[in-house]
C-alpha cells in the first residue's frame, strides 16, 4: 500500500515529489540504529552492574558479621566468668573485624543458657550492647535448637546484628529502602568448667 501511494505521488511534480523523495530516503536510512540500541541497553546493563556490586559487597559484610559474632563468642567462652566490661569490649573487637565497613549501629546480645535435667532451657544471665544492661529476665524459659536440648548442659549464645547501607539507590525500582540488617546467632559451650558466670549482668 505504501509503495502504491509513493508511486502515485511520484507522478506529481514540485513539493509533493520532493516530500516523496525524502520519505523514501527516510525509510531506507539505517544510520543511528546502533545509538538507539545502545540507549535501550544502557539502563539494563547499569542495573545489572549495580545489582552485582550491591550483592557482592553485601555478601562480604554478611560474612564479616558472622565472623565477628563467632570470634567474640569464642573469646568469651574461653574463661570461667565474664563481666559487663568484658562484654562491652567485644563491640570494639567486632568493629575491628567489620572494618572497613561501618559498625556504628552494631548490636551484640549475649545470653547464658542452662538446660535442666528435664531438658528445659532457661536464661541464666544476659547482656545487650544496646543498653549495656540485661537483655532478658533471668530464669525465663527460652527456645533453643532441638539438638542442643541436652539434660544438664550449658550454652552461651550471641546474637549479632549490623545494618548494611546500600552503596547506591535505585529510585526507579519503586522502593525507598536504603539498607538491610545482617544478623547471625551462634551457640557455644564454655571451654573451662561446666558454665560461664557473669556476676554483674
Protein backbone atom coordinates (compact mmCIF):
# COMPACT_ATOMS: atom_id res chain seq x y z
CA UNK A 1 0.00 0.00 0.00
CA UNK A 2 2.86 2.37 0.91
CA UNK A 3 4.61 1.55 -2.37
CA UNK A 4 1.42 2.25 -4.29
CA UNK A 5 0.97 5.63 -2.61
CA UNK A 6 4.59 6.56 -3.26
CA UNK A 7 4.27 5.56 -6.90
CA UNK A 8 1.18 7.75 -7.25
CA UNK A 9 2.95 10.65 -5.55
CA UNK A 10 5.91 10.25 -7.93
CA UNK A 11 3.55 11.19 -10.75
CA UNK A 12 3.30 14.70 -9.41
CA UNK A 13 5.96 17.35 -9.65
CA UNK A 14 7.07 20.04 -7.27
CA UNK A 15 6.63 19.88 -3.50
CA UNK A 16 4.79 16.51 -3.39
CA UNK A 17 7.59 14.88 -5.37
CA UNK A 18 10.23 16.27 -3.00
CA UNK A 19 8.27 15.02 0.00
CA UNK A 20 8.01 11.58 -1.57
CA UNK A 21 11.74 11.52 -2.21
CA UNK A 22 12.54 12.49 1.38
CA UNK A 23 10.11 9.88 2.70
CA UNK A 24 11.77 7.14 0.63
CA UNK A 25 15.17 8.24 1.85
CA UNK A 26 13.99 8.21 5.49
CA UNK A 27 12.56 4.69 5.16
CA UNK A 28 15.86 3.37 3.77
CA UNK A 29 18.09 5.24 6.23
CA UNK A 30 19.74 2.92 8.81
CA UNK A 31 22.14 5.40 10.41
CA UNK A 32 21.76 5.79 14.18
CA UNK A 33 20.42 2.26 14.75
CA UNK A 34 23.40 1.46 16.96
CA UNK A 35 22.77 4.53 19.10
CA UNK A 36 19.13 3.58 19.61
CA UNK A 37 20.07 0.04 20.63
CA UNK A 38 22.71 1.42 22.99
CA UNK A 39 20.15 3.75 24.58
CA UNK A 40 17.89 0.76 25.27
CA UNK A 41 20.69 -1.42 26.66
CA UNK A 42 22.41 1.12 28.93
CA UNK A 43 19.74 1.09 31.71
CA UNK A 44 19.68 -2.72 31.70
CA UNK A 45 23.47 -3.02 31.85
CA UNK A 46 23.70 -0.38 34.57
CA UNK A 47 21.03 -2.18 36.59
CA UNK A 48 22.91 -5.49 36.31
CA UNK A 49 26.21 -3.83 37.27
CA UNK A 50 24.76 -2.05 40.31
CA UNK A 51 22.89 -5.16 41.46
CA UNK A 52 26.01 -7.34 41.20
CA UNK A 53 28.02 -4.70 43.09
CA UNK A 54 25.48 -4.50 45.91
CA UNK A 55 25.19 -8.28 46.18
CA UNK A 56 28.95 -8.86 46.29
CA UNK A 57 29.55 -6.13 48.90
CA UNK A 58 26.52 -7.27 50.91
CA UNK A 59 27.82 -10.85 50.99
CA UNK A 60 31.18 -9.59 52.20
CA UNK A 61 29.55 -7.62 55.02
CA UNK A 62 27.39 -10.59 55.98
CA UNK A 63 30.46 -12.84 56.18
CA UNK A 64 32.23 -10.29 58.38
CA UNK A 65 29.19 -10.01 60.69
CA UNK A 66 29.11 -13.80 61.06
CA UNK A 67 32.84 -13.90 61.76
CA UNK A 68 32.55 -11.11 64.35
CA UNK A 69 29.83 -12.96 66.25
CA UNK A 70 31.71 -16.24 66.15
CA UNK A 71 35.06 -14.79 67.24
CA UNK A 72 33.71 -12.67 70.11
CA UNK A 73 31.72 -15.63 71.47
CA UNK A 74 34.80 -17.83 71.19
CA UNK A 75 36.80 -15.33 73.24
CA UNK A 76 34.14 -15.13 75.96
CA UNK A 77 33.69 -18.88 76.35
CA UNK A 78 37.42 -19.41 76.94
CA UNK A 79 37.06 -18.17 80.53
CA UNK A 80 35.09 -19.32 83.55
CA UNK A 81 33.39 -15.97 84.14
CA UNK A 82 32.78 -12.66 82.43
CA UNK A 83 31.68 -9.12 83.25
CA UNK A 84 29.80 -6.26 81.63
CA UNK A 85 33.09 -4.51 80.93
CA UNK A 86 34.45 -7.53 79.09
CA UNK A 87 31.25 -7.95 77.10
CA UNK A 88 31.23 -4.25 76.22
CA UNK A 89 34.79 -4.60 74.95
CA UNK A 90 33.56 -7.18 72.45
CA UNK A 91 31.88 -4.38 70.48
CA UNK A 92 35.35 -2.98 69.72
CA UNK A 93 36.54 -6.44 68.69
CA UNK A 94 33.54 -6.83 66.39
CA UNK A 95 34.10 -3.35 64.93
CA UNK A 96 37.71 -4.19 64.08
CA UNK A 97 36.58 -7.36 62.30
CA UNK A 98 33.92 -5.45 60.34
CA UNK A 99 36.43 -2.81 59.21
CA UNK A 100 36.44 -1.07 56.74
CA UNK A 101 32.64 -1.28 56.89
CA UNK A 102 30.71 0.76 59.45
CA UNK A 103 29.95 -0.78 62.86
CA UNK A 104 28.36 2.30 64.44
CA UNK A 105 24.99 0.59 64.83
CA UNK A 106 26.20 -2.90 65.66
CA UNK A 107 24.27 -4.73 68.40
CA UNK A 108 25.56 -7.68 70.41
CA UNK A 109 23.36 -9.73 72.74
CA UNK A 110 24.99 -12.42 74.88
CA UNK A 111 22.93 -14.92 76.87
CA UNK A 112 23.95 -17.64 79.32
CA UNK A 113 21.55 -20.57 78.94
CA UNK A 114 21.26 -23.53 81.28
CA UNK A 115 19.36 -26.70 80.38
CA UNK A 116 17.99 -28.63 83.37
CA UNK A 117 17.50 -32.38 83.74
CA UNK A 118 14.05 -32.14 82.13
CA UNK A 119 15.67 -30.50 79.07
CA UNK A 120 14.08 -27.10 79.69
CA UNK A 121 16.32 -24.20 78.64
CA UNK A 122 16.34 -21.18 80.96
CA UNK A 123 18.14 -17.86 80.96
CA UNK A 124 20.98 -17.71 83.46
CA UNK A 125 22.13 -14.19 82.57
CA UNK A 126 22.04 -11.83 79.60
CA UNK A 127 23.57 -8.62 78.31
CA UNK A 128 22.98 -6.34 75.32
CA UNK A 129 25.23 -3.64 73.91
CA UNK A 130 22.15 -1.55 73.12
CA UNK A 131 21.68 -0.65 76.80
CA UNK A 132 24.83 -2.12 78.43
CA UNK A 133 22.42 -3.99 80.68
CA UNK A 134 20.31 -7.13 80.95
CA UNK A 135 18.55 -8.18 77.74
CA UNK A 136 16.14 -10.75 79.20
CA UNK A 137 14.70 -11.72 82.56
CA UNK A 138 16.76 -14.27 84.47
CA UNK A 139 15.01 -17.59 84.93
CA UNK A 140 12.69 -17.24 81.94
CA UNK A 141 12.39 -20.19 79.60
CA UNK A 142 13.98 -19.72 76.21
CA UNK A 143 13.69 -21.63 72.96
CA UNK A 144 16.89 -23.18 71.60
CA UNK A 145 17.52 -25.62 68.72
CA UNK A 146 16.28 -29.12 69.44
CA UNK A 147 19.77 -30.58 69.01
CA UNK A 148 21.03 -28.50 71.93
CA UNK A 149 18.36 -29.65 74.39
CA UNK A 150 20.66 -31.95 76.33
CA UNK A 151 19.97 -32.52 80.02
CA UNK A 152 22.24 -30.62 82.43
CA UNK A 153 24.07 -28.72 79.69
CA UNK A 154 25.08 -25.06 79.45
CA UNK A 155 25.49 -22.71 76.49
CA UNK A 156 26.39 -19.13 75.77
CA UNK A 157 24.56 -17.56 72.84
CA UNK A 158 25.44 -14.47 70.83
CA UNK A 159 23.02 -12.60 68.59
CA UNK A 160 24.74 -10.05 66.39
CA UNK A 161 23.04 -7.54 64.12
CA UNK A 162 24.51 -4.82 61.95
CA UNK A 163 22.77 -2.72 59.28
CA UNK A 164 24.35 -2.52 55.84
CA UNK A 165 23.65 0.70 53.96
CA UNK A 166 23.38 0.28 50.21
CA UNK A 167 26.16 1.92 48.21
CA UNK A 168 23.67 3.12 45.61
CA UNK A 169 19.97 3.79 45.32
CA UNK A 170 17.61 2.80 42.51
CA UNK A 171 14.53 5.01 42.79
CA UNK A 172 13.09 3.62 39.54
CA UNK A 173 12.61 0.25 41.27
CA UNK A 174 9.78 1.80 43.27
CA UNK A 175 11.34 1.30 46.73
CA UNK A 176 12.76 3.71 49.28
CA UNK A 177 14.67 1.01 51.18
CA UNK A 178 18.28 2.07 51.66
CA UNK A 179 19.65 -0.62 54.00
CA UNK A 180 19.35 -4.23 55.09
CA UNK A 181 20.11 -5.70 58.54
CA UNK A 182 22.65 -8.50 58.68
CA UNK A 183 22.14 -10.88 61.61
CA UNK A 184 23.59 -14.14 62.92
CA UNK A 185 23.20 -16.33 66.01
CA UNK A 186 25.75 -18.72 67.50
CA UNK A 187 25.83 -21.10 70.48
CA UNK A 188 28.95 -22.34 72.24
CA UNK A 189 29.73 -24.31 75.36
CA UNK A 190 32.17 -22.94 77.97
CA UNK A 191 35.68 -24.22 77.33
CA UNK A 192 36.60 -24.39 81.02
CA UNK A 193 34.15 -25.56 83.61
CA UNK A 194 30.52 -26.51 83.31
CA UNK A 195 29.16 -22.97 82.96
CA UNK A 196 30.09 -19.34 82.45
CA UNK A 197 29.06 -16.80 85.06
CA UNK A 198 28.51 -13.07 84.64
CA UNK A 199 28.50 -11.56 88.11
CA UNK A 200 27.25 -8.06 87.27
CA UNK A 201 24.94 -8.89 84.32
